[in-house]
Amino acid sequence: MKQHIKYLPKGVCSRQMEFDVEDGFVKNLKVIGGCNGNLQGIARLVEGRKVEDIISCLDGLKCGMKQTSCPAQLAEALKSIK
């Protein structure tokens, strides 16, 4: 089963995350706004990885003085679909 997710991150520079989850694996992550190079790198690193593995890797990360980060917001987006 394939799900297409649109998520509005909170407390970070990125404005929207879109990705597919197919059979428990993340595909096609696109992030609007934020630090373009870093987010392209994250998109490549999560491509084809299991949802649970990504959550455990990214959950709780902070960006500077913020209480969250774009990677942590991706983890939140993934938690919201479980």
Protein backbone atom coordinates (compact mmCIF):
# COMPACT_ATOMS: atom_id res chain seq x y z
CA MET A 1 0.00 0.00 0.00
CA LYS A 2 1.29 3.46 -0.92
CA GLN A 3 0.51 6.64 1.04
CA HIS A 4 1.37 10.16 -0.09
CA ILE A 5 2.01 12.42 2.90
CA LYS A 6 2.05 16.22 3.07
CA TYR A 7 3.29 17.55 6.41
CA LEU A 8 3.60 21.12 7.68
CA PRO A 9 6.61 21.23 10.02
CA LYS A 10 6.48 23.33 13.18
CA GLY A 11 9.24 25.49 14.69
CA VAL A 12 11.71 25.18 11.78
CA CYS A 13 12.62 27.00 8.57
CA SER A 14 11.16 24.42 6.19
CA ARG A 15 7.53 25.03 5.27
CA GLN A 16 6.35 21.69 3.91
CA MET A 17 7.48 18.08 3.57
CA GLU A 18 6.05 15.66 1.03
CA PHE A 19 6.92 12.01 0.71
CA ASP A 20 5.54 8.58 -0.04
CA VAL A 21 5.47 5.59 2.27
CA GLU A 22 5.21 2.28 0.49
CA ASP A 23 5.21 -1.01 2.40
CA GLY A 24 6.87 0.72 5.38
CA PHE A 25 9.63 2.41 3.36
CA VAL A 26 10.07 6.16 2.67
CA LYS A 27 10.37 7.35 -0.92
CA ASN A 28 10.49 10.65 -2.80
CA LEU A 29 11.04 13.08 0.10
CA LYS A 30 10.79 16.71 -1.01
CA VAL A 31 11.14 19.62 1.41
CA ILE A 32 10.08 23.20 0.66
CA GLY A 33 12.08 25.89 2.43
CA GLY A 34 14.88 25.35 4.93
CA CYS A 35 18.56 24.71 4.25
CA ASN A 36 18.44 23.33 0.73
CA GLY A 37 21.72 21.41 0.69
CA ASN A 38 21.17 19.79 4.08
CA LEU A 39 17.61 18.80 3.22
CA GLN A 40 18.66 17.32 -0.13
CA GLY A 41 21.20 15.24 1.79
CA ILE A 42 18.58 14.08 4.28
CA ALA A 43 16.23 13.17 1.40
CA ARG A 44 18.91 10.98 -0.16
CA LEU A 45 19.80 9.36 3.15
CA VAL A 46 16.21 8.40 4.01
CA GLU A 47 15.29 7.17 0.52
CA GLY A 48 14.31 3.51 0.69
CA ARG A 49 14.77 3.23 4.46
CA LYS A 50 12.23 1.82 6.91
CA VAL A 51 9.96 4.31 8.67
CA GLU A 52 10.94 2.96 12.12
CA ASP A 53 14.67 3.27 11.38
CA ILE A 54 14.30 6.89 10.27
CA ILE A 55 12.27 7.80 13.36
CA SER A 56 14.84 6.28 15.72
CA CYS A 57 17.67 8.10 13.91
CA LEU A 58 16.13 11.58 13.69
CA ASP A 59 13.73 11.90 16.62
CA GLY A 60 14.66 14.61 19.12
CA LEU A 61 17.39 16.36 17.09
CA LYS A 62 17.62 20.11 17.66
CA CYS A 63 18.79 22.94 15.39
CA GLY A 64 20.76 25.60 17.26
CA MET A 65 18.60 27.08 20.02
CA LYS A 66 15.36 25.70 18.54
CA GLN A 67 13.58 22.90 20.36
CA THR A 68 13.35 20.88 17.15
CA SER A 69 14.94 20.56 13.69
CA CYS A 70 13.91 19.66 10.16
CA PRO A 71 15.10 16.05 10.65
CA ALA A 72 13.14 15.83 13.92
CA GLN A 73 10.08 17.21 12.14
CA LEU A 74 10.43 14.48 9.52
CA ALA A 75 10.39 11.98 12.40
CA GLU A 76 7.21 13.64 13.70
CA ALA A 77 5.63 13.39 10.26
CA LEU A 78 6.46 9.69 10.15
CA LYS A 79 5.11 9.12 13.67
CA SER A 80 1.84 10.75 12.65
CA ILE A 81 1.14 8.07 10.04
CA LYS A 82 1.83 5.06 12.27
